[in-house]
N, C-alpha and C. Protein backbone atom coordinates (compact mmCIF):
# COMPACT_ATOMS: atom_id res chain seq x y z
N UNK A 1 105.77 80.37 74.91
CA UNK A 1 107.23 80.35 74.99
C UNK A 1 107.70 81.09 76.24
N UNK A 2 108.67 80.48 76.93
CA UNK A 2 109.18 81.11 78.14
C UNK A 2 110.18 82.19 77.76
N UNK A 3 110.05 83.32 78.40
CA UNK A 3 111.03 84.39 78.21
C UNK A 3 111.47 84.91 79.56
N UNK A 4 112.69 85.41 79.64
CA UNK A 4 113.15 86.08 80.84
C UNK A 4 112.75 87.54 80.77
N UNK A 5 112.82 88.22 81.91
CA UNK A 5 112.42 89.61 81.95
C UNK A 5 113.39 90.47 81.18
N UNK A 6 112.89 91.49 80.49
CA UNK A 6 113.80 92.41 79.83
C UNK A 6 114.18 93.51 80.80
N UNK A 7 115.06 94.41 80.36
CA UNK A 7 115.59 95.42 81.25
C UNK A 7 114.90 96.77 81.09
N UNK A 8 113.84 96.84 80.28
CA UNK A 8 113.15 98.11 80.09
C UNK A 8 112.23 98.43 81.24
N UNK A 9 111.93 99.72 81.43
CA UNK A 9 111.00 100.12 82.46
C UNK A 9 109.59 100.09 81.91
N UNK A 10 108.58 99.91 82.77
CA UNK A 10 107.21 99.83 82.31
C UNK A 10 106.78 101.12 81.65
N UNK A 11 106.01 101.03 80.55
CA UNK A 11 105.67 102.22 79.78
C UNK A 11 104.45 102.95 80.27
N UNK A 12 103.86 102.49 81.38
CA UNK A 12 102.61 103.09 81.82
C UNK A 12 102.85 104.07 82.94
N UNK A 13 101.96 105.08 83.13
CA UNK A 13 102.10 105.99 84.26
C UNK A 13 101.64 105.30 85.54
N UNK A 14 102.23 105.67 86.67
CA UNK A 14 101.84 105.13 87.95
C UNK A 14 100.81 106.03 88.61
N UNK A 15 99.86 105.42 89.31
CA UNK A 15 98.79 106.19 89.92
C UNK A 15 99.23 106.71 91.28
N UNK A 16 98.95 107.96 91.55
CA UNK A 16 99.22 108.51 92.88
C UNK A 16 98.35 107.77 93.90
N UNK A 17 98.95 107.52 95.05
CA UNK A 17 98.23 106.80 96.09
C UNK A 17 98.34 105.30 95.96
N UNK A 18 98.87 104.80 94.84
CA UNK A 18 99.10 103.38 94.68
C UNK A 18 100.59 103.14 94.62
N UNK A 19 101.14 103.13 93.41
CA UNK A 19 102.56 102.85 93.27
C UNK A 19 103.42 104.08 93.26
N UNK A 20 102.87 105.27 93.48
CA UNK A 20 103.67 106.49 93.44
C UNK A 20 103.32 107.35 94.62
N UNK A 21 104.21 108.28 94.94
CA UNK A 21 103.98 109.25 96.00
C UNK A 21 104.08 110.64 95.43
N UNK A 22 103.41 111.62 96.04
CA UNK A 22 103.49 112.99 95.55
C UNK A 22 104.92 113.49 95.49
N UNK A 23 105.19 114.37 94.55
CA UNK A 23 106.53 114.91 94.40
C UNK A 23 106.93 115.70 95.62
N UNK A 24 108.20 115.66 95.95
CA UNK A 24 108.72 116.38 97.09
C UNK A 24 109.73 117.41 96.60
N UNK A 25 109.72 118.62 97.16
CA UNK A 25 110.67 119.63 96.71
C UNK A 25 112.09 119.32 97.13
N UNK A 26 112.25 118.43 98.11
CA UNK A 26 113.59 118.08 98.56
C UNK A 26 113.75 116.57 98.53
N UNK A 27 114.97 116.11 98.62
CA UNK A 27 115.24 114.70 98.82
C UNK A 27 115.24 113.84 97.57
N UNK A 28 114.96 114.43 96.37
CA UNK A 28 114.94 113.60 95.18
C UNK A 28 116.13 113.87 94.26
N UNK A 29 117.05 114.75 94.65
CA UNK A 29 118.21 115.05 93.81
C UNK A 29 119.11 113.82 93.67
N UNK A 30 119.23 113.02 94.74
CA UNK A 30 120.09 111.83 94.67
C UNK A 30 119.53 110.81 93.69
N UNK A 31 118.20 110.65 93.73
CA UNK A 31 117.59 109.72 92.80
C UNK A 31 117.82 110.11 91.35
N UNK A 32 117.70 111.42 91.06
CA UNK A 32 117.93 111.88 89.70
C UNK A 32 119.39 111.65 89.29
N UNK A 33 120.29 111.86 90.25
CA UNK A 33 121.72 111.66 89.98
C UNK A 33 122.02 110.20 89.65
N UNK A 34 121.29 109.28 90.29
CA UNK A 34 121.56 107.85 90.15
C UNK A 34 120.67 107.17 89.11
N UNK A 35 119.90 107.93 88.36
CA UNK A 35 118.92 107.32 87.45
C UNK A 35 119.55 106.35 86.47
N UNK A 36 120.76 106.58 86.05
CA UNK A 36 121.40 105.69 85.09
C UNK A 36 121.96 104.43 85.70
N UNK A 37 121.94 104.33 87.02
CA UNK A 37 122.50 103.16 87.72
C UNK A 37 121.37 102.22 88.11
N UNK A 38 121.39 101.01 87.56
CA UNK A 38 120.39 100.00 87.89
C UNK A 38 121.07 98.64 87.86
N UNK A 39 120.69 97.79 88.79
CA UNK A 39 121.34 96.48 88.90
C UNK A 39 121.14 95.64 87.65
N UNK A 40 119.96 95.71 87.06
CA UNK A 40 119.67 94.91 85.87
C UNK A 40 119.08 93.55 86.19
N UNK A 41 118.61 92.89 85.15
CA UNK A 41 117.87 91.63 85.31
C UNK A 41 118.74 90.39 85.34
N UNK A 42 119.98 90.51 84.93
CA UNK A 42 120.79 89.31 84.72
C UNK A 42 120.97 88.50 86.01
N UNK A 43 120.93 89.18 87.18
CA UNK A 43 121.11 88.46 88.45
C UNK A 43 119.79 88.20 89.18
N UNK A 44 118.68 88.36 88.51
CA UNK A 44 117.44 87.86 89.08
C UNK A 44 117.53 86.35 89.22
N UNK A 45 116.88 85.80 90.24
CA UNK A 45 116.94 84.36 90.47
C UNK A 45 116.46 83.58 89.24
N UNK A 46 115.40 84.05 88.58
CA UNK A 46 114.87 83.31 87.44
C UNK A 46 115.80 83.33 86.23
N UNK A 47 116.82 84.17 86.25
CA UNK A 47 117.81 84.19 85.19
C UNK A 47 119.10 83.47 85.58
N UNK A 48 119.11 82.86 86.75
CA UNK A 48 120.28 82.09 87.19
C UNK A 48 120.43 80.86 86.28
N UNK A 49 121.66 80.47 85.95
CA UNK A 49 121.86 79.32 85.06
C UNK A 49 121.17 78.04 85.51
N UNK A 50 120.99 77.84 86.83
CA UNK A 50 120.36 76.62 87.32
C UNK A 50 118.84 76.75 87.47
N UNK A 51 118.30 77.89 87.06
CA UNK A 51 116.85 78.13 87.17
C UNK A 51 116.22 78.39 85.82
N UNK A 52 116.87 79.18 84.99
CA UNK A 52 116.23 79.74 83.80
C UNK A 52 115.76 78.70 82.79
N UNK A 53 116.37 77.52 82.76
CA UNK A 53 115.98 76.52 81.79
C UNK A 53 114.84 75.62 82.27
N UNK A 54 114.43 75.77 83.53
CA UNK A 54 113.26 75.04 84.02
C UNK A 54 111.99 75.65 83.42
N UNK A 55 110.91 74.89 83.31
CA UNK A 55 109.68 75.44 82.73
C UNK A 55 109.12 76.59 83.58
N UNK A 56 108.66 77.63 82.90
CA UNK A 56 108.02 78.76 83.58
C UNK A 56 106.53 78.48 83.69
N UNK A 57 106.18 77.40 84.39
CA UNK A 57 104.81 76.90 84.39
C UNK A 57 104.03 77.25 85.65
N UNK A 58 104.69 77.84 86.66
CA UNK A 58 103.96 78.29 87.85
C UNK A 58 103.27 79.61 87.53
N UNK A 59 102.00 79.72 87.91
CA UNK A 59 101.23 80.95 87.66
C UNK A 59 101.05 81.66 88.99
N UNK A 60 101.85 82.69 89.17
CA UNK A 60 101.90 83.44 90.43
C UNK A 60 101.14 84.75 90.25
N UNK A 61 100.27 85.08 91.20
CA UNK A 61 99.49 86.31 91.10
C UNK A 61 99.20 86.90 92.47
N UNK A 62 98.56 88.05 92.47
CA UNK A 62 98.19 88.72 93.71
C UNK A 62 96.87 89.46 93.51
N UNK A 63 95.96 89.44 94.51
CA UNK A 63 94.76 90.26 94.43
C UNK A 63 95.05 91.74 94.64
N UNK A 64 96.28 92.08 95.06
CA UNK A 64 96.62 93.47 95.37
C UNK A 64 97.03 94.25 94.12
N UNK A 65 97.57 93.58 93.11
CA UNK A 65 98.03 94.26 91.90
C UNK A 65 98.17 93.26 90.78
N UNK A 66 97.98 93.73 89.55
CA UNK A 66 98.17 92.89 88.37
C UNK A 66 99.65 92.79 88.03
N UNK A 67 100.00 91.79 87.27
CA UNK A 67 101.38 91.66 86.82
C UNK A 67 101.77 92.90 86.01
N UNK A 68 102.83 93.57 86.43
CA UNK A 68 103.27 94.80 85.79
C UNK A 68 102.57 96.04 86.32
N UNK A 69 101.66 95.88 87.28
CA UNK A 69 100.91 97.01 87.81
C UNK A 69 101.54 97.62 89.04
N UNK A 70 100.92 98.70 89.50
CA UNK A 70 101.44 99.45 90.65
C UNK A 70 101.14 98.72 91.96
N UNK A 71 102.13 98.64 92.83
CA UNK A 71 101.96 98.05 94.16
C UNK A 71 101.32 99.10 95.06
N UNK A 72 100.23 98.77 95.74
CA UNK A 72 99.60 99.75 96.64
C UNK A 72 100.55 100.21 97.74
N UNK A 73 100.36 101.45 98.17
CA UNK A 73 101.30 102.07 99.11
C UNK A 73 101.40 101.33 100.43
N UNK A 74 100.32 100.72 100.90
CA UNK A 74 100.43 100.09 102.22
C UNK A 74 101.32 98.85 102.21
N UNK A 75 101.73 98.41 101.01
CA UNK A 75 102.72 97.33 100.92
C UNK A 75 104.14 97.88 100.82
N UNK A 76 104.29 99.20 100.77
CA UNK A 76 105.62 99.81 100.72
C UNK A 76 106.32 99.67 102.07
N UNK A 77 107.63 99.90 102.07
CA UNK A 77 108.45 99.70 103.26
C UNK A 77 108.16 100.67 104.38
N UNK A 78 108.71 100.36 105.55
CA UNK A 78 108.53 101.19 106.74
C UNK A 78 108.95 102.62 106.47
N UNK A 79 108.11 103.55 106.95
CA UNK A 79 108.38 104.96 106.73
C UNK A 79 107.77 105.49 105.46
N UNK A 80 107.34 104.58 104.58
CA UNK A 80 106.66 104.96 103.34
C UNK A 80 105.25 104.38 103.34
N UNK A 81 105.14 103.11 103.68
CA UNK A 81 103.86 102.43 103.78
C UNK A 81 103.80 101.62 105.08
N UNK A 82 102.97 100.61 105.10
CA UNK A 82 102.78 99.79 106.30
C UNK A 82 103.66 98.55 106.33
N UNK A 83 104.45 98.36 105.30
CA UNK A 83 105.37 97.22 105.21
C UNK A 83 104.65 95.88 105.37
N UNK A 84 103.46 95.77 104.79
CA UNK A 84 102.70 94.53 104.81
C UNK A 84 102.95 93.77 103.51
N UNK A 85 103.36 92.53 103.62
CA UNK A 85 103.54 91.74 102.41
C UNK A 85 102.19 91.53 101.72
N UNK A 86 102.16 91.59 100.39
CA UNK A 86 100.89 91.41 99.69
C UNK A 86 100.44 89.96 99.71
N UNK A 87 99.14 89.76 99.62
CA UNK A 87 98.62 88.41 99.43
C UNK A 87 99.10 87.86 98.09
N UNK A 88 99.42 86.58 98.07
CA UNK A 88 99.91 85.92 96.86
C UNK A 88 99.17 84.61 96.67
N UNK A 89 98.93 84.24 95.43
CA UNK A 89 98.33 82.95 95.10
C UNK A 89 99.11 82.34 93.94
N UNK A 90 99.07 81.02 93.83
CA UNK A 90 99.76 80.37 92.71
C UNK A 90 99.09 79.05 92.35
N UNK A 91 99.37 78.63 91.12
CA UNK A 91 98.86 77.37 90.58
C UNK A 91 99.97 76.72 89.76
N UNK A 92 99.78 75.45 89.44
CA UNK A 92 100.68 74.78 88.52
C UNK A 92 101.88 74.12 89.15
N UNK A 93 101.84 73.85 90.46
CA UNK A 93 102.97 73.17 91.10
C UNK A 93 103.08 71.76 90.53
N UNK A 94 104.22 71.39 89.97
CA UNK A 94 104.33 70.07 89.32
C UNK A 94 104.40 68.92 90.31
N UNK A 95 104.00 67.76 89.84
CA UNK A 95 104.14 66.54 90.63
C UNK A 95 105.61 66.33 90.96
N UNK A 96 105.87 65.83 92.15
CA UNK A 96 107.24 65.60 92.57
C UNK A 96 107.88 66.76 93.30
N UNK A 97 107.15 67.87 93.43
CA UNK A 97 107.69 69.02 94.17
C UNK A 97 107.74 68.69 95.65
N UNK A 98 108.91 68.90 96.26
CA UNK A 98 109.10 68.63 97.68
C UNK A 98 109.01 69.90 98.52
N UNK A 99 109.26 71.05 97.92
CA UNK A 99 109.22 72.32 98.65
C UNK A 99 109.18 73.45 97.63
N UNK A 100 108.76 74.61 98.10
CA UNK A 100 108.76 75.82 97.29
C UNK A 100 109.64 76.87 97.94
N UNK A 101 110.16 77.77 97.14
CA UNK A 101 110.93 78.90 97.65
C UNK A 101 110.44 80.16 96.95
N UNK A 102 110.41 81.27 97.68
CA UNK A 102 109.91 82.53 97.15
C UNK A 102 110.95 83.62 97.38
N UNK A 103 111.26 84.37 96.33
CA UNK A 103 112.23 85.46 96.42
C UNK A 103 111.62 86.71 95.78
N UNK A 104 111.80 87.86 96.41
CA UNK A 104 111.38 89.15 95.84
C UNK A 104 112.64 89.99 95.67
N UNK A 105 112.86 90.47 94.44
CA UNK A 105 114.05 91.27 94.15
C UNK A 105 113.69 92.54 93.39
N UNK A 106 114.51 93.55 93.57
CA UNK A 106 114.38 94.83 92.86
C UNK A 106 115.56 94.96 91.91
N UNK A 107 115.36 94.70 90.61
CA UNK A 107 116.48 94.81 89.66
C UNK A 107 116.78 96.25 89.25
N UNK A 108 115.98 97.21 89.72
CA UNK A 108 116.20 98.61 89.37
C UNK A 108 116.93 99.38 90.48
N UNK A 109 117.31 98.69 91.54
CA UNK A 109 118.07 99.33 92.60
C UNK A 109 119.43 99.78 92.06
N UNK A 110 119.93 100.94 92.50
CA UNK A 110 121.24 101.42 92.04
C UNK A 110 122.38 100.72 92.78
N UNK A 111 122.45 99.41 92.59
CA UNK A 111 123.40 98.55 93.28
C UNK A 111 124.04 97.59 92.28
N UNK A 112 125.13 96.91 92.67
CA UNK A 112 125.76 95.96 91.75
C UNK A 112 124.88 94.77 91.40
N UNK A 113 123.93 94.42 92.29
CA UNK A 113 123.03 93.30 92.03
C UNK A 113 121.64 93.65 92.55
N UNK A 114 120.59 92.99 92.07
CA UNK A 114 119.24 93.29 92.55
C UNK A 114 119.13 93.19 94.06
N UNK A 115 118.39 94.13 94.66
CA UNK A 115 118.18 94.11 96.10
C UNK A 115 117.16 93.03 96.45
N UNK A 116 117.48 92.21 97.44
CA UNK A 116 116.58 91.16 97.89
C UNK A 116 115.67 91.71 98.98
N UNK A 117 114.36 91.71 98.72
CA UNK A 117 113.37 92.24 99.66
C UNK A 117 112.61 91.14 100.39
N UNK A 118 112.77 89.92 99.96
CA UNK A 118 112.09 88.80 100.62
C UNK A 118 112.76 87.51 100.20
N UNK A 119 112.96 86.63 101.17
CA UNK A 119 113.41 85.27 100.91
C UNK A 119 112.65 84.36 101.85
N UNK A 120 111.88 83.45 101.28
CA UNK A 120 111.11 82.48 102.07
C UNK A 120 111.35 81.09 101.51
N UNK A 121 111.75 80.18 102.36
CA UNK A 121 112.05 78.81 101.92
C UNK A 121 111.25 77.83 102.77
N UNK A 122 111.41 76.54 102.45
CA UNK A 122 110.70 75.47 103.15
C UNK A 122 109.19 75.66 103.11
N UNK A 123 108.69 76.18 101.99
CA UNK A 123 107.25 76.35 101.80
C UNK A 123 106.68 75.00 101.37
N UNK A 124 105.66 74.53 102.07
CA UNK A 124 105.08 73.22 101.78
C UNK A 124 104.50 73.19 100.36
N UNK A 125 104.71 72.12 99.62
CA UNK A 125 104.23 72.05 98.23
C UNK A 125 102.71 72.08 98.11
N UNK A 126 102.01 71.72 99.18
CA UNK A 126 100.55 71.75 99.14
C UNK A 126 99.98 73.15 99.33
N UNK A 127 100.80 74.07 99.80
CA UNK A 127 100.33 75.44 100.01
C UNK A 127 100.06 76.10 98.67
N UNK A 128 99.01 76.92 98.61
CA UNK A 128 98.61 77.58 97.37
C UNK A 128 98.58 79.10 97.48
N UNK A 129 98.85 79.63 98.68
CA UNK A 129 98.71 81.08 98.83
C UNK A 129 99.37 81.55 100.12
N UNK A 130 99.58 82.87 100.19
CA UNK A 130 99.92 83.58 101.42
C UNK A 130 98.92 84.71 101.60
N UNK A 131 98.47 84.89 102.81
CA UNK A 131 97.59 86.01 103.10
C UNK A 131 98.39 87.29 103.25
N UNK A 132 97.72 88.44 103.17
CA UNK A 132 98.40 89.72 103.36
C UNK A 132 99.07 89.75 104.73
N UNK A 133 100.33 90.18 104.76
CA UNK A 133 101.07 90.30 106.00
C UNK A 133 101.67 89.01 106.51
N UNK A 134 101.43 87.89 105.84
CA UNK A 134 101.86 86.59 106.36
C UNK A 134 103.36 86.37 106.25
N UNK A 135 104.03 87.15 105.42
CA UNK A 135 105.48 86.97 105.24
C UNK A 135 106.29 87.97 106.05
N UNK A 136 105.64 88.62 107.00
CA UNK A 136 106.34 89.50 107.93
C UNK A 136 106.97 88.64 109.03
N UNK A 137 108.11 89.04 109.59
CA UNK A 137 108.86 88.15 110.49
C UNK A 137 108.14 87.78 111.77
N UNK A 138 107.16 88.58 112.21
CA UNK A 138 106.48 88.27 113.46
C UNK A 138 105.40 87.21 113.29
N UNK A 139 105.14 86.78 112.06
CA UNK A 139 104.10 85.78 111.80
C UNK A 139 104.74 84.40 111.71
N UNK A 140 104.30 83.48 112.55
CA UNK A 140 104.84 82.13 112.51
C UNK A 140 103.91 81.22 111.72
N UNK A 141 104.37 80.74 110.57
CA UNK A 141 103.51 79.89 109.73
C UNK A 141 104.24 78.68 109.17
N UNK A 142 105.35 78.32 109.79
CA UNK A 142 106.10 77.15 109.34
C UNK A 142 107.03 77.42 108.18
N UNK A 143 107.04 78.63 107.66
CA UNK A 143 107.92 78.99 106.56
C UNK A 143 109.21 79.56 107.11
N UNK A 144 110.34 79.24 106.49
CA UNK A 144 111.63 79.79 106.91
C UNK A 144 111.88 81.10 106.17
N UNK A 145 111.98 82.18 106.93
CA UNK A 145 112.27 83.49 106.35
C UNK A 145 113.77 83.75 106.41
N UNK A 146 114.33 84.19 105.31
CA UNK A 146 115.77 84.44 105.25
C UNK A 146 116.12 85.90 105.35
N UNK A 147 117.41 86.18 105.18
CA UNK A 147 117.95 87.53 105.27
C UNK A 147 118.03 88.16 103.89
N UNK A 148 117.53 89.40 103.80
CA UNK A 148 117.59 90.13 102.56
C UNK A 148 118.48 91.35 102.66
N UNK A 149 118.05 92.43 102.03
CA UNK A 149 118.81 93.67 102.00
C UNK A 149 119.15 94.14 103.41
N UNK A 150 120.42 94.47 103.65
CA UNK A 150 120.91 94.94 104.94
C UNK A 150 120.64 93.95 106.07
N UNK A 151 120.51 92.67 105.73
CA UNK A 151 120.33 91.64 106.75
C UNK A 151 118.93 91.56 107.33
N UNK A 152 117.96 92.28 106.74
CA UNK A 152 116.61 92.26 107.27
C UNK A 152 115.95 90.92 107.00
N UNK A 153 115.21 90.43 108.00
CA UNK A 153 114.55 89.13 107.90
C UNK A 153 113.09 89.33 107.52
N UNK A 154 112.62 88.53 106.57
CA UNK A 154 111.23 88.62 106.15
C UNK A 154 111.01 89.73 105.14
N UNK A 155 109.75 90.04 104.92
CA UNK A 155 109.36 91.01 103.90
C UNK A 155 109.85 92.41 104.24
N UNK A 156 110.48 93.06 103.26
CA UNK A 156 110.85 94.47 103.34
C UNK A 156 110.29 95.14 102.10
N UNK A 157 109.25 95.94 102.29
CA UNK A 157 108.51 96.49 101.17
C UNK A 157 109.29 97.52 100.37
N UNK A 158 108.74 97.89 99.21
CA UNK A 158 109.41 98.87 98.34
C UNK A 158 109.69 100.19 99.06
N UNK A 159 110.90 100.68 98.88
CA UNK A 159 111.29 101.98 99.42
C UNK A 159 112.41 102.54 98.54
N UNK A 160 112.12 102.73 97.25
CA UNK A 160 113.19 103.20 96.35
C UNK A 160 113.59 104.63 96.65
N UNK A 161 114.76 105.00 96.17
CA UNK A 161 115.24 106.37 96.32
C UNK A 161 114.30 107.32 95.58
N UNK A 162 113.93 108.42 96.22
CA UNK A 162 113.07 109.41 95.57
C UNK A 162 113.71 109.91 94.28
N UNK A 163 112.89 110.04 93.25
CA UNK A 163 113.36 110.59 91.99
C UNK A 163 114.13 109.64 91.11
N UNK A 164 114.28 108.38 91.55
CA UNK A 164 115.05 107.41 90.77
C UNK A 164 114.23 106.79 89.65
N UNK A 165 112.94 107.03 89.65
CA UNK A 165 112.07 106.46 88.64
C UNK A 165 111.39 105.19 89.12
N UNK A 166 110.59 104.57 88.27
CA UNK A 166 109.88 103.35 88.64
C UNK A 166 110.86 102.21 88.94
N UNK A 167 110.56 101.49 90.00
CA UNK A 167 111.31 100.28 90.33
C UNK A 167 110.39 99.08 90.20
N UNK A 168 110.91 98.01 89.59
CA UNK A 168 110.17 96.77 89.51
C UNK A 168 110.54 95.87 90.68
N UNK A 169 109.53 95.22 91.24
CA UNK A 169 109.73 94.27 92.33
C UNK A 169 109.22 92.92 91.84
N UNK A 170 110.17 91.98 91.66
CA UNK A 170 109.87 90.72 91.00
C UNK A 170 109.77 89.61 92.05
N UNK A 171 108.56 89.09 92.22
CA UNK A 171 108.30 87.94 93.08
C UNK A 171 108.56 86.69 92.24
N UNK A 172 109.43 85.81 92.72
CA UNK A 172 109.83 84.63 91.96
C UNK A 172 109.63 83.38 92.80
N UNK A 173 108.80 82.49 92.31
CA UNK A 173 108.45 81.27 93.04
C UNK A 173 109.12 80.08 92.34
N UNK A 174 109.82 79.26 93.12
CA UNK A 174 110.52 78.09 92.59
C UNK A 174 109.91 76.82 93.16
N UNK A 175 109.65 75.86 92.30
CA UNK A 175 109.26 74.51 92.74
C UNK A 175 110.51 73.65 92.78
N UNK A 176 110.79 73.06 93.93
CA UNK A 176 112.06 72.36 94.15
C UNK A 176 111.85 70.85 94.24
N UNK A 177 112.78 70.13 93.67
CA UNK A 177 112.71 68.67 93.66
C UNK A 177 113.00 68.08 95.04
N UNK A 178 113.73 68.81 95.87
CA UNK A 178 114.01 68.35 97.24
C UNK A 178 114.18 69.58 98.13
N UNK A 179 113.93 69.44 99.44
CA UNK A 179 114.16 70.57 100.35
C UNK A 179 115.63 70.94 100.34
N UNK A 180 115.91 72.23 100.51
CA UNK A 180 117.29 72.70 100.50
C UNK A 180 117.88 72.65 101.91
N UNK A 181 119.13 72.25 102.00
CA UNK A 181 119.86 72.26 103.27
C UNK A 181 120.43 73.66 103.46
N UNK A 182 119.78 74.45 104.31
CA UNK A 182 120.16 75.86 104.48
C UNK A 182 120.34 76.18 105.96
N UNK A 183 121.11 77.22 106.29
CA UNK A 183 121.23 77.65 107.68
C UNK A 183 119.91 78.23 108.19
N UNK A 184 119.85 78.52 109.48
CA UNK A 184 118.61 78.99 110.10
C UNK A 184 118.10 80.29 109.50
N UNK A 185 119.00 81.21 109.19
CA UNK A 185 118.63 82.48 108.57
C UNK A 185 119.36 82.58 107.23
N UNK A 186 118.85 81.87 106.23
CA UNK A 186 119.59 81.81 104.96
C UNK A 186 119.59 83.14 104.22
N UNK A 187 120.62 83.33 103.44
CA UNK A 187 120.70 84.45 102.51
C UNK A 187 120.38 83.94 101.10
N UNK A 188 120.23 84.86 100.17
CA UNK A 188 120.02 84.44 98.79
C UNK A 188 121.23 83.66 98.28
N UNK A 189 122.43 84.06 98.69
CA UNK A 189 123.63 83.33 98.28
C UNK A 189 123.59 81.89 98.78
N UNK A 190 123.08 81.68 99.99
CA UNK A 190 122.94 80.32 100.52
C UNK A 190 121.98 79.50 99.65
N UNK A 191 120.86 80.11 99.29
CA UNK A 191 119.88 79.40 98.47
C UNK A 191 120.48 79.02 97.12
N UNK A 192 121.12 79.97 96.46
CA UNK A 192 121.68 79.69 95.13
C UNK A 192 122.78 78.64 95.20
N UNK A 193 123.58 78.67 96.28
CA UNK A 193 124.66 77.70 96.42
C UNK A 193 124.13 76.29 96.63
N UNK A 194 122.90 76.16 97.13
CA UNK A 194 122.31 74.85 97.40
C UNK A 194 121.65 74.23 96.17
N UNK A 195 121.52 74.99 95.08
CA UNK A 195 120.87 74.47 93.88
C UNK A 195 121.81 73.56 93.09
N UNK A 196 121.22 72.59 92.43
CA UNK A 196 121.93 71.74 91.48
C UNK A 196 121.16 71.82 90.15
N UNK A 197 121.71 71.27 89.07
CA UNK A 197 120.98 71.32 87.79
C UNK A 197 119.61 70.64 87.82
N UNK A 198 119.37 69.76 88.79
CA UNK A 198 118.10 69.06 88.86
C UNK A 198 117.15 69.62 89.92
N UNK A 199 117.58 70.61 90.68
CA UNK A 199 116.79 71.05 91.83
C UNK A 199 115.48 71.72 91.43
N UNK A 200 115.51 72.64 90.48
CA UNK A 200 114.35 73.47 90.16
C UNK A 200 113.51 72.77 89.09
N UNK A 201 112.27 72.43 89.46
CA UNK A 201 111.36 71.77 88.55
C UNK A 201 110.57 72.75 87.71
N UNK A 202 110.27 73.92 88.26
CA UNK A 202 109.49 74.94 87.55
C UNK A 202 109.62 76.25 88.30
N UNK A 203 109.26 77.33 87.62
CA UNK A 203 109.26 78.63 88.28
C UNK A 203 108.15 79.49 87.72
N UNK A 204 107.83 80.56 88.46
CA UNK A 204 106.87 81.55 88.00
C UNK A 204 107.25 82.90 88.58
N UNK A 205 106.80 83.97 87.94
CA UNK A 205 107.18 85.32 88.40
C UNK A 205 105.99 86.27 88.32
N UNK A 206 105.98 87.22 89.21
CA UNK A 206 104.99 88.30 89.26
C UNK A 206 105.73 89.59 89.52
N UNK A 207 105.48 90.62 88.72
CA UNK A 207 106.18 91.90 88.85
C UNK A 207 105.21 93.00 89.25
N UNK A 208 105.56 93.72 90.31
CA UNK A 208 104.85 94.92 90.70
C UNK A 208 105.79 96.12 90.60
N UNK A 209 105.24 97.31 90.53
CA UNK A 209 106.03 98.52 90.32
C UNK A 209 105.73 99.53 91.42
N UNK A 210 106.78 100.20 91.88
CA UNK A 210 106.61 101.27 92.86
C UNK A 210 107.57 102.39 92.54
N UNK A 211 107.13 103.63 92.74
CA UNK A 211 107.96 104.82 92.48
C UNK A 211 107.75 105.84 93.57
N UNK A 212 108.84 106.46 94.01
CA UNK A 212 108.77 107.61 94.93
C UNK A 212 109.29 108.83 94.17
N UNK A 213 108.40 109.80 93.98
CA UNK A 213 108.77 110.98 93.19
C UNK A 213 109.15 112.16 94.09
């Protein structure tokens, strides 16, 4: 049975050196102050009215972390890690798929809506994977990278506020019935505006967790 993500935080401890950083005596007061503020799951792409009723039949995974597991630090954002996008693999693309789209969002950001950390469109339906670092903007691979948080293009790794607690980073892959007509540097709003009730044939999700203490 297909289910959407719930709004609870993962119940497991995060490992130092992977999804967590050592505690700092300074700089985490703001995170503690904002702990009750989280965007929530309702505005994740897979919960959008034109997406959520499609079959959740795509199996999205990564050799870097298990679903619900800690994201290694070198995939964290600039100034925290190396800002390298993780390798991704998937299966189950349905017949009739004309293109794929990939979105990474943080529903635990203290913002009105989940922070977009990656938007990639025009992914060929025959493609089955991305290598580590392949979704960084300097890599040319025929994929259209869009604008995410603060207008950044391409992958922007986890960099949550210190002391805010674990943040989930949800990679969401959509199989599309037709290529989307989008501007050169599309935003998530552009992608969602281009969807129709028949556009999304299937979807899959992979969640990684990162915390800065």
